[in-house]
N, C-alpha and C. Protein backbone atom coordinates (compact mmCIF):
# COMPACT_ATOMS: atom_id res chain seq x y z
N UNK A 1 0.84 -1.18 0.00
CA UNK A 1 0.00 0.00 0.00
C UNK A 1 0.89 1.24 0.00
N UNK A 2 0.54 2.18 -0.84
CA UNK A 2 1.35 3.40 -0.95
C UNK A 2 1.02 4.37 0.19
N UNK A 3 1.92 5.27 0.42
CA UNK A 3 1.68 6.29 1.44
C UNK A 3 0.51 7.18 1.05
N UNK A 4 0.29 7.35 -0.29
CA UNK A 4 -0.85 8.14 -0.75
C UNK A 4 -2.17 7.49 -0.35
N UNK A 5 -2.25 6.18 -0.52
CA UNK A 5 -3.47 5.46 -0.14
C UNK A 5 -3.70 5.56 1.36
N UNK A 6 -2.63 5.47 2.13
CA UNK A 6 -2.75 5.58 3.59
C UNK A 6 -3.28 6.95 3.99
N UNK A 7 -2.80 8.00 3.33
CA UNK A 7 -3.27 9.36 3.62
C UNK A 7 -4.76 9.47 3.33
N UNK A 8 -5.20 9.01 2.15
CA UNK A 8 -6.62 9.08 1.79
C UNK A 8 -7.49 8.25 2.73
N UNK A 9 -7.04 7.05 3.07
CA UNK A 9 -7.82 6.21 3.97
C UNK A 9 -7.88 6.81 5.37
N UNK A 10 -6.79 7.34 5.84
CA UNK A 10 -6.77 7.97 7.17
C UNK A 10 -7.71 9.16 7.22
N UNK A 11 -7.67 9.99 6.19
CA UNK A 11 -8.56 11.15 6.12
C UNK A 11 -10.01 10.69 6.13
N UNK A 12 -10.32 9.69 5.30
CA UNK A 12 -11.69 9.22 5.17
C UNK A 12 -12.20 8.61 6.48
N UNK A 13 -11.37 7.83 7.14
CA UNK A 13 -11.76 7.23 8.42
C UNK A 13 -11.96 8.32 9.47
N UNK A 14 -11.08 9.29 9.52
CA UNK A 14 -11.22 10.38 10.50
C UNK A 14 -12.53 11.14 10.28
N UNK A 15 -12.85 11.43 9.02
CA UNK A 15 -14.10 12.12 8.69
C UNK A 15 -15.29 11.29 9.15
N UNK A 16 -15.29 10.00 8.83
CA UNK A 16 -16.40 9.12 9.19
C UNK A 16 -16.57 9.04 10.71
N UNK A 17 -15.48 8.85 11.42
CA UNK A 17 -15.56 8.72 12.88
C UNK A 17 -16.07 10.01 13.54
N UNK A 18 -15.55 11.14 13.07
CA UNK A 18 -15.99 12.42 13.64
C UNK A 18 -17.48 12.65 13.37
N UNK A 19 -17.92 12.32 12.15
CA UNK A 19 -19.34 12.48 11.80
C UNK A 19 -20.22 11.57 12.66
N UNK A 20 -19.75 10.34 12.90
CA UNK A 20 -20.53 9.42 13.72
C UNK A 20 -20.71 9.96 15.14
N UNK A 21 -19.65 10.51 15.70
CA UNK A 21 -19.74 11.09 17.04
C UNK A 21 -20.73 12.25 17.05
N UNK A 22 -20.64 13.13 16.05
CA UNK A 22 -21.58 14.26 15.99
C UNK A 22 -23.02 13.77 15.84
N UNK A 23 -23.23 12.77 14.98
CA UNK A 23 -24.58 12.28 14.73
C UNK A 23 -25.17 11.62 15.97
N UNK A 24 -24.37 10.86 16.70
CA UNK A 24 -24.86 10.22 17.92
C UNK A 24 -25.20 11.28 18.97
N UNK A 25 -24.36 12.29 19.08
CA UNK A 25 -24.57 13.33 20.10
C UNK A 25 -25.73 14.26 19.78
N UNK A 26 -25.82 14.72 18.53
CA UNK A 26 -26.80 15.76 18.20
C UNK A 26 -27.85 15.34 17.19
N UNK A 27 -27.70 14.15 16.62
CA UNK A 27 -28.57 13.66 15.55
C UNK A 27 -28.54 14.58 14.34
N UNK A 28 -27.40 15.22 14.13
CA UNK A 28 -27.19 16.09 12.97
C UNK A 28 -25.76 15.94 12.50
N UNK A 29 -25.59 16.12 11.19
CA UNK A 29 -24.26 16.24 10.60
C UNK A 29 -24.29 17.56 9.84
N UNK A 30 -23.78 18.61 10.42
CA UNK A 30 -23.98 19.96 9.87
C UNK A 30 -23.16 20.25 8.60
N UNK A 31 -23.65 21.22 7.84
CA UNK A 31 -22.97 21.63 6.61
C UNK A 31 -21.56 22.13 6.86
N UNK A 32 -21.33 22.78 8.01
CA UNK A 32 -19.99 23.30 8.28
C UNK A 32 -18.96 22.17 8.34
N UNK A 33 -19.44 20.93 8.53
CA UNK A 33 -18.54 19.79 8.54
C UNK A 33 -18.52 19.07 7.19
N UNK A 34 -19.68 18.79 6.64
CA UNK A 34 -19.74 17.94 5.45
C UNK A 34 -19.18 18.61 4.20
N UNK A 35 -19.49 19.85 3.99
CA UNK A 35 -19.04 20.50 2.75
C UNK A 35 -17.52 20.67 2.71
N UNK A 36 -16.87 21.14 3.79
CA UNK A 36 -15.41 21.20 3.75
C UNK A 36 -14.74 19.81 3.66
N UNK A 37 -15.36 18.79 4.25
CA UNK A 37 -14.74 17.46 4.17
C UNK A 37 -14.84 16.91 2.75
N UNK A 38 -15.92 17.21 2.05
CA UNK A 38 -16.03 16.81 0.64
C UNK A 38 -14.96 17.54 -0.18
N UNK A 39 -14.84 18.84 0.04
CA UNK A 39 -13.81 19.60 -0.67
C UNK A 39 -12.41 19.09 -0.32
N UNK A 40 -12.19 18.74 0.94
CA UNK A 40 -10.90 18.21 1.36
C UNK A 40 -10.56 16.88 0.68
N UNK A 41 -11.55 16.00 0.55
CA UNK A 41 -11.32 14.72 -0.12
C UNK A 41 -10.98 14.94 -1.59
N UNK A 42 -11.71 15.84 -2.24
CA UNK A 42 -11.42 16.13 -3.65
C UNK A 42 -10.04 16.76 -3.81
N UNK A 43 -9.69 17.65 -2.90
CA UNK A 43 -8.38 18.30 -2.94
C UNK A 43 -7.25 17.27 -2.74
N UNK A 44 -7.45 16.36 -1.79
CA UNK A 44 -6.45 15.30 -1.59
C UNK A 44 -6.32 14.43 -2.83
N UNK A 45 -7.44 14.09 -3.43
CA UNK A 45 -7.41 13.23 -4.62
C UNK A 45 -6.62 13.91 -5.75
N UNK A 46 -6.90 15.18 -6.00
CA UNK A 46 -6.20 15.87 -7.10
C UNK A 46 -4.72 16.08 -6.77
N UNK A 47 -4.41 16.35 -5.51
CA UNK A 47 -3.03 16.56 -5.10
C UNK A 47 -2.22 15.27 -5.22
N UNK A 48 -2.82 14.17 -4.84
CA UNK A 48 -2.11 12.88 -4.84
C UNK A 48 -2.14 12.22 -6.21
N UNK A 49 -3.29 12.24 -6.87
CA UNK A 49 -3.44 11.47 -8.10
C UNK A 49 -3.65 12.26 -9.37
N UNK A 50 -3.73 13.57 -9.26
CA UNK A 50 -3.92 14.39 -10.44
C UNK A 50 -5.37 14.50 -10.87
N UNK A 51 -5.56 15.03 -12.07
CA UNK A 51 -6.90 15.30 -12.58
C UNK A 51 -7.72 14.03 -12.80
N UNK A 52 -7.06 12.95 -13.19
CA UNK A 52 -7.78 11.69 -13.39
C UNK A 52 -8.38 11.19 -12.07
N UNK A 53 -7.60 11.23 -11.00
CA UNK A 53 -8.09 10.83 -9.68
C UNK A 53 -9.21 11.75 -9.21
N UNK A 54 -9.07 13.04 -9.49
CA UNK A 54 -10.13 13.99 -9.14
C UNK A 54 -11.42 13.65 -9.86
N UNK A 55 -11.33 13.36 -11.15
CA UNK A 55 -12.53 13.03 -11.94
C UNK A 55 -13.20 11.77 -11.40
N UNK A 56 -12.43 10.74 -11.12
CA UNK A 56 -13.00 9.50 -10.59
C UNK A 56 -13.62 9.71 -9.21
N UNK A 57 -12.96 10.51 -8.40
CA UNK A 57 -13.46 10.82 -7.07
C UNK A 57 -14.76 11.61 -7.15
N UNK A 58 -14.82 12.54 -8.09
CA UNK A 58 -16.03 13.35 -8.27
C UNK A 58 -17.19 12.46 -8.71
N UNK A 59 -16.94 11.53 -9.62
CA UNK A 59 -17.99 10.59 -10.06
C UNK A 59 -18.45 9.73 -8.88
N UNK A 60 -17.52 9.25 -8.06
CA UNK A 60 -17.88 8.46 -6.89
C UNK A 60 -18.78 9.26 -5.95
N UNK A 61 -18.42 10.51 -5.73
CA UNK A 61 -19.20 11.38 -4.87
C UNK A 61 -20.61 11.60 -5.43
N UNK A 62 -20.70 11.85 -6.72
CA UNK A 62 -22.01 12.04 -7.35
C UNK A 62 -22.86 10.78 -7.29
N UNK A 63 -22.26 9.65 -7.54
CA UNK A 63 -22.98 8.38 -7.52
C UNK A 63 -23.54 8.10 -6.13
N UNK A 64 -22.68 8.12 -5.13
CA UNK A 64 -23.12 7.83 -3.76
C UNK A 64 -24.12 8.88 -3.26
N UNK A 65 -23.80 10.15 -3.51
CA UNK A 65 -24.70 11.22 -3.07
C UNK A 65 -26.06 11.13 -3.75
N UNK A 66 -26.09 10.78 -5.03
CA UNK A 66 -27.36 10.68 -5.76
C UNK A 66 -28.23 9.55 -5.21
N UNK A 67 -27.62 8.42 -4.91
CA UNK A 67 -28.40 7.31 -4.34
C UNK A 67 -28.98 7.68 -2.98
N UNK A 68 -28.19 8.32 -2.15
CA UNK A 68 -28.69 8.74 -0.84
C UNK A 68 -29.69 9.89 -0.97
N UNK A 69 -29.55 10.72 -2.00
CA UNK A 69 -30.50 11.81 -2.22
C UNK A 69 -31.90 11.29 -2.45
N UNK A 70 -32.02 10.17 -3.15
CA UNK A 70 -33.34 9.56 -3.36
C UNK A 70 -33.96 9.20 -2.01
N UNK A 71 -33.17 8.61 -1.13
CA UNK A 71 -33.68 8.26 0.20
C UNK A 71 -34.05 9.50 1.00
N UNK A 72 -33.27 10.56 0.86
CA UNK A 72 -33.57 11.82 1.53
C UNK A 72 -34.90 12.39 1.03
N UNK A 73 -35.08 12.41 -0.29
CA UNK A 73 -36.31 12.95 -0.87
C UNK A 73 -37.54 12.15 -0.43
N UNK A 74 -37.36 10.86 -0.19
CA UNK A 74 -38.46 10.00 0.25
C UNK A 74 -38.71 10.10 1.76
N UNK A 75 -37.89 10.88 2.46
CA UNK A 75 -38.09 11.07 3.90
C UNK A 75 -37.43 10.03 4.77
N UNK A 76 -36.52 9.24 4.19
CA UNK A 76 -35.90 8.17 4.95
C UNK A 76 -34.51 8.47 5.48
N UNK A 77 -34.02 9.67 5.23
CA UNK A 77 -32.64 9.98 5.59
C UNK A 77 -32.48 11.50 5.69
N UNK A 78 -31.55 11.92 6.53
CA UNK A 78 -31.28 13.34 6.66
C UNK A 78 -30.32 13.84 5.60
N UNK A 79 -30.33 15.14 5.36
CA UNK A 79 -29.45 15.75 4.37
C UNK A 79 -27.97 15.62 4.71
N UNK A 80 -27.64 15.61 5.99
CA UNK A 80 -26.25 15.45 6.39
C UNK A 80 -25.70 14.09 5.99
N UNK A 81 -26.55 13.07 6.03
CA UNK A 81 -26.13 11.73 5.61
C UNK A 81 -25.80 11.71 4.12
N UNK A 82 -26.57 12.43 3.33
CA UNK A 82 -26.34 12.51 1.88
C UNK A 82 -24.97 13.13 1.61
N UNK A 83 -24.70 14.25 2.26
CA UNK A 83 -23.43 14.93 2.05
C UNK A 83 -22.26 14.15 2.63
N UNK A 84 -22.50 13.45 3.74
CA UNK A 84 -21.44 12.64 4.33
C UNK A 84 -21.04 11.49 3.40
N UNK A 85 -22.02 10.77 2.85
CA UNK A 85 -21.67 9.64 1.98
C UNK A 85 -20.97 10.16 0.72
N UNK A 86 -21.34 11.34 0.25
CA UNK A 86 -20.66 11.94 -0.90
C UNK A 86 -19.20 12.22 -0.57
N UNK A 87 -18.94 12.75 0.62
CA UNK A 87 -17.57 13.06 1.04
C UNK A 87 -16.77 11.78 1.24
N UNK A 88 -17.38 10.77 1.84
CA UNK A 88 -16.69 9.50 2.07
C UNK A 88 -16.36 8.84 0.74
N UNK A 89 -17.31 8.83 -0.19
CA UNK A 89 -17.08 8.23 -1.51
C UNK A 89 -15.96 8.96 -2.24
N UNK A 90 -15.91 10.28 -2.11
CA UNK A 90 -14.83 11.04 -2.74
C UNK A 90 -13.48 10.62 -2.18
N UNK A 91 -13.41 10.36 -0.90
CA UNK A 91 -12.15 9.96 -0.28
C UNK A 91 -11.79 8.51 -0.57
N UNK A 92 -12.78 7.67 -0.64
CA UNK A 92 -12.53 6.23 -0.81
C UNK A 92 -12.30 5.86 -2.27
N UNK A 93 -12.81 6.67 -3.18
CA UNK A 93 -12.57 6.46 -4.60
C UNK A 93 -13.64 5.65 -5.30
N UNK A 94 -13.71 5.81 -6.59
CA UNK A 94 -14.75 5.17 -7.40
C UNK A 94 -14.65 3.65 -7.35
N UNK A 95 -13.46 3.10 -7.35
CA UNK A 95 -13.30 1.64 -7.36
C UNK A 95 -13.86 0.98 -6.10
N UNK A 96 -13.99 1.72 -5.03
CA UNK A 96 -14.50 1.17 -3.77
C UNK A 96 -15.91 1.65 -3.42
N UNK A 97 -16.50 2.49 -4.25
CA UNK A 97 -17.79 3.07 -3.91
C UNK A 97 -18.91 2.03 -3.89
N UNK A 98 -18.89 1.08 -4.80
CA UNK A 98 -19.91 0.03 -4.78
C UNK A 98 -19.88 -0.76 -3.48
N UNK A 99 -18.69 -1.15 -3.06
CA UNK A 99 -18.55 -1.87 -1.79
C UNK A 99 -18.99 -0.98 -0.63
N UNK A 100 -18.60 0.28 -0.66
CA UNK A 100 -19.01 1.22 0.40
C UNK A 100 -20.52 1.29 0.52
N UNK A 101 -21.21 1.44 -0.60
CA UNK A 101 -22.67 1.55 -0.57
C UNK A 101 -23.32 0.26 -0.09
N UNK A 102 -22.84 -0.87 -0.59
CA UNK A 102 -23.42 -2.16 -0.19
C UNK A 102 -23.18 -2.43 1.29
N UNK A 103 -21.96 -2.22 1.76
CA UNK A 103 -21.63 -2.50 3.15
C UNK A 103 -22.31 -1.51 4.10
N UNK A 104 -22.45 -0.27 3.68
CA UNK A 104 -23.17 0.72 4.49
C UNK A 104 -24.63 0.32 4.62
N UNK A 105 -25.26 -0.09 3.52
CA UNK A 105 -26.65 -0.53 3.56
C UNK A 105 -26.82 -1.75 4.46
N UNK A 106 -25.90 -2.68 4.35
CA UNK A 106 -25.94 -3.88 5.19
C UNK A 106 -25.81 -3.51 6.66
N UNK A 107 -24.84 -2.68 6.97
CA UNK A 107 -24.65 -2.25 8.37
C UNK A 107 -25.86 -1.47 8.87
N UNK A 108 -26.41 -0.61 8.04
CA UNK A 108 -27.60 0.15 8.43
C UNK A 108 -28.78 -0.76 8.69
N UNK A 109 -28.94 -1.78 7.86
CA UNK A 109 -30.04 -2.73 8.05
C UNK A 109 -29.89 -3.51 9.34
N UNK A 110 -28.68 -3.97 9.62
CA UNK A 110 -28.43 -4.71 10.86
C UNK A 110 -28.67 -3.81 12.07
N UNK A 111 -28.16 -2.58 12.00
CA UNK A 111 -28.36 -1.64 13.11
C UNK A 111 -29.84 -1.34 13.32
N UNK A 112 -30.58 -1.17 12.23
CA UNK A 112 -32.01 -0.90 12.33
C UNK A 112 -32.74 -2.08 12.97
N UNK A 113 -32.39 -3.30 12.56
CA UNK A 113 -33.02 -4.48 13.17
C UNK A 113 -32.74 -4.55 14.66
N UNK A 114 -31.52 -4.24 15.06
CA UNK A 114 -31.17 -4.26 16.49
C UNK A 114 -32.01 -3.23 17.24
N UNK A 115 -32.13 -2.02 16.70
CA UNK A 115 -32.92 -0.97 17.36
C UNK A 115 -34.39 -1.37 17.45
N UNK A 116 -34.92 -1.93 16.37
CA UNK A 116 -36.33 -2.34 16.34
C UNK A 116 -36.59 -3.44 17.38
N UNK A 117 -35.74 -4.45 17.42
CA UNK A 117 -35.90 -5.53 18.38
C UNK A 117 -35.70 -5.01 19.81
N UNK A 118 -34.68 -4.20 20.01
CA UNK A 118 -34.38 -3.66 21.34
C UNK A 118 -35.58 -2.90 21.92
N UNK A 119 -36.25 -2.13 21.06
CA UNK A 119 -37.40 -1.33 21.51
C UNK A 119 -38.72 -2.10 21.45
N UNK A 120 -38.68 -3.34 20.97
CA UNK A 120 -39.89 -4.16 20.92
C UNK A 120 -40.90 -3.70 19.87
N UNK A 121 -40.42 -3.17 18.77
CA UNK A 121 -41.31 -2.63 17.73
C UNK A 121 -41.30 -3.45 16.45
N UNK A 122 -41.10 -4.75 16.55
CA UNK A 122 -40.97 -5.57 15.35
C UNK A 122 -42.26 -5.55 14.53
N UNK A 123 -43.39 -5.88 15.16
CA UNK A 123 -44.67 -5.91 14.43
C UNK A 123 -45.02 -4.54 13.85
N UNK A 124 -44.87 -3.52 14.65
CA UNK A 124 -45.20 -2.17 14.18
C UNK A 124 -44.29 -1.77 13.02
N UNK A 125 -43.03 -2.14 13.09
CA UNK A 125 -42.10 -1.79 12.01
C UNK A 125 -42.46 -2.51 10.71
N UNK A 126 -42.89 -3.76 10.82
CA UNK A 126 -43.32 -4.50 9.63
C UNK A 126 -44.55 -3.82 9.01
N UNK A 127 -45.50 -3.43 9.85
CA UNK A 127 -46.69 -2.71 9.35
C UNK A 127 -46.28 -1.38 8.72
N UNK A 128 -45.33 -0.68 9.37
CA UNK A 128 -44.89 0.61 8.84
C UNK A 128 -44.24 0.47 7.47
N UNK A 129 -43.46 -0.59 7.26
CA UNK A 129 -42.85 -0.82 5.95
C UNK A 129 -43.95 -0.95 4.89
N UNK A 130 -45.00 -1.66 5.21
CA UNK A 130 -46.13 -1.79 4.29
C UNK A 130 -46.78 -0.44 4.00
N UNK A 131 -47.02 0.34 5.05
CA UNK A 131 -47.63 1.68 4.87
C UNK A 131 -46.74 2.57 4.01
N UNK A 132 -45.44 2.52 4.26
CA UNK A 132 -44.50 3.34 3.49
C UNK A 132 -44.48 2.90 2.03
N UNK A 133 -44.47 1.59 1.80
CA UNK A 133 -44.45 1.08 0.42
C UNK A 133 -45.69 1.54 -0.35
N UNK A 134 -46.85 1.42 0.27
CA UNK A 134 -48.09 1.85 -0.38
C UNK A 134 -48.05 3.36 -0.63
N UNK A 135 -47.60 4.10 0.36
CA UNK A 135 -47.53 5.55 0.22
C UNK A 135 -46.65 5.95 -0.96
N UNK A 136 -45.46 5.35 -1.06
CA UNK A 136 -44.55 5.72 -2.14
C UNK A 136 -45.04 5.21 -3.49
N UNK A 137 -45.75 4.11 -3.50
CA UNK A 137 -46.36 3.63 -4.76
C UNK A 137 -47.38 4.64 -5.26
N UNK A 138 -48.14 5.20 -4.35
CA UNK A 138 -49.20 6.15 -4.72
C UNK A 138 -48.70 7.58 -4.89
N UNK A 139 -47.63 7.96 -4.19
CA UNK A 139 -47.20 9.36 -4.14
C UNK A 139 -45.77 9.61 -4.60
N UNK A 140 -45.10 8.60 -5.12
CA UNK A 140 -43.72 8.79 -5.55
C UNK A 140 -42.80 9.01 -4.37
N UNK A 141 -41.85 9.91 -4.55
CA UNK A 141 -40.84 10.15 -3.51
C UNK A 141 -41.30 11.06 -2.38
N UNK A 142 -42.51 11.54 -2.44
CA UNK A 142 -43.00 12.41 -1.36
C UNK A 142 -42.92 11.67 -0.03
N UNK A 143 -42.33 12.30 0.99
CA UNK A 143 -42.22 11.61 2.29
C UNK A 143 -43.60 11.27 2.86
N UNK A 144 -43.67 10.16 3.54
CA UNK A 144 -44.89 9.77 4.25
C UNK A 144 -45.16 10.86 5.29
N UNK A 145 -46.43 11.26 5.48
CA UNK A 145 -46.70 12.36 6.41
C UNK A 145 -46.28 12.10 7.85
N UNK A 146 -46.28 10.86 8.29
CA UNK A 146 -45.89 10.55 9.68
C UNK A 146 -44.63 9.70 9.77
N UNK A 147 -44.46 8.77 8.84
CA UNK A 147 -43.36 7.82 8.92
C UNK A 147 -42.17 8.32 8.10
N UNK A 148 -41.51 9.32 8.66
CA UNK A 148 -40.33 9.89 8.00
C UNK A 148 -39.32 10.30 9.06
N UNK A 149 -38.12 10.53 8.62
CA UNK A 149 -37.01 10.79 9.54
C UNK A 149 -37.18 12.11 10.31
N UNK A 150 -37.97 13.00 9.81
CA UNK A 150 -38.14 14.29 10.49
C UNK A 150 -39.09 14.21 11.70
N UNK A 151 -39.88 13.14 11.77
CA UNK A 151 -40.80 12.96 12.87
C UNK A 151 -40.02 12.44 14.08
N UNK A 152 -39.88 13.26 15.08
CA UNK A 152 -39.06 12.94 16.25
C UNK A 152 -39.65 11.78 17.07
N UNK A 153 -40.93 11.46 16.87
CA UNK A 153 -41.56 10.37 17.62
C UNK A 153 -41.18 8.99 17.08
N UNK A 154 -40.68 8.94 15.86
CA UNK A 154 -40.31 7.66 15.26
C UNK A 154 -38.94 7.21 15.76
N UNK A 155 -38.74 5.89 15.75
CA UNK A 155 -37.40 5.36 16.03
C UNK A 155 -36.48 5.84 14.92
N UNK A 156 -35.32 6.34 15.32
CA UNK A 156 -34.37 6.85 14.32
C UNK A 156 -32.99 6.31 14.63
N UNK A 157 -32.24 6.13 13.59
CA UNK A 157 -30.88 5.62 13.71
C UNK A 157 -29.91 6.70 13.25
N UNK A 158 -28.91 7.03 14.07
CA UNK A 158 -27.90 7.97 13.58
C UNK A 158 -27.09 7.27 12.47
N UNK A 159 -27.48 7.53 11.22
CA UNK A 159 -26.99 6.75 10.10
C UNK A 159 -25.50 6.94 9.83
N UNK A 160 -24.90 7.97 10.41
CA UNK A 160 -23.45 8.11 10.27
C UNK A 160 -22.72 6.92 10.89
N UNK A 161 -23.35 6.24 11.84
CA UNK A 161 -22.77 5.02 12.40
C UNK A 161 -22.67 3.94 11.32
N UNK A 162 -23.73 3.79 10.54
CA UNK A 162 -23.72 2.79 9.46
C UNK A 162 -22.72 3.19 8.37
N UNK A 163 -22.65 4.47 8.06
CA UNK A 163 -21.70 4.94 7.06
C UNK A 163 -20.27 4.68 7.53
N UNK A 164 -20.02 4.93 8.81
CA UNK A 164 -18.69 4.69 9.37
C UNK A 164 -18.35 3.21 9.35
N UNK A 165 -19.29 2.37 9.75
CA UNK A 165 -19.05 0.93 9.72
C UNK A 165 -18.80 0.46 8.29
N UNK A 166 -19.60 0.96 7.34
CA UNK A 166 -19.40 0.60 5.94
C UNK A 166 -18.04 1.06 5.43
N UNK A 167 -17.61 2.23 5.86
CA UNK A 167 -16.29 2.76 5.47
C UNK A 167 -15.17 1.87 6.00
N UNK A 168 -15.25 1.54 7.28
CA UNK A 168 -14.21 0.70 7.89
C UNK A 168 -14.16 -0.69 7.26
N UNK A 169 -15.32 -1.26 6.98
CA UNK A 169 -15.35 -2.58 6.34
C UNK A 169 -14.80 -2.51 4.91
N UNK A 170 -15.15 -1.47 4.19
CA UNK A 170 -14.66 -1.32 2.81
C UNK A 170 -13.14 -1.21 2.78
N UNK A 171 -12.59 -0.39 3.65
CA UNK A 171 -11.14 -0.24 3.72
C UNK A 171 -10.48 -1.54 4.16
N UNK A 172 -11.07 -2.23 5.12
CA UNK A 172 -10.52 -3.51 5.58
C UNK A 172 -10.52 -4.54 4.46
N UNK A 173 -11.61 -4.61 3.71
CA UNK A 173 -11.69 -5.56 2.60
C UNK A 173 -10.72 -5.20 1.49
N UNK A 174 -10.50 -3.90 1.28
CA UNK A 174 -9.53 -3.48 0.27
C UNK A 174 -8.14 -3.95 0.66
N UNK A 175 -7.80 -3.83 1.94
CA UNK A 175 -6.48 -4.27 2.41
C UNK A 175 -6.33 -5.78 2.29
N UNK A 176 -7.38 -6.54 2.55
CA UNK A 176 -7.34 -8.00 2.44
C UNK A 176 -7.11 -8.40 0.98
N UNK A 177 -7.70 -7.66 0.06
CA UNK A 177 -7.59 -7.97 -1.35
C UNK A 177 -6.24 -7.65 -1.96
N UNK A 178 -5.39 -6.95 -1.24
CA UNK A 178 -4.09 -6.56 -1.79
C UNK A 178 -3.04 -7.60 -1.57
């Protein structure tokens, strides 16, 4: 592994860990953090790898951010999560973005199941998934009026934890593959 890869991975892990702490503490990942970290990842990519690395990093950021944007528009995720995954993808690079997204989704699903079981809301959560599916079938991406991330009464997961876990697993798997 090159020292350049170590710098990018260290930066990306630091960003993810800091965001997870903020999200757990305040349930927010503010713009003052996400936007500079995205710019920092792009700057590192261009400094280390040149314009080609910058272009690939930018595509990774757009891809990951666009997928999370759909979830945000549907009311299932906060805007800070969208910007955080874009920044993480920019740092981790296009070649690892697919793994990042898959592992983040897997970690988020496992964490959600733990929270649902812990709070004893298994049946209600299954019913809610049905209500949400019907709502989105009938209304597109419009958030459900009650079952959305903005409703403080709903069970919510600080999703930066899942993003951080997905980031750490992606980097670990990359190292195993080398």
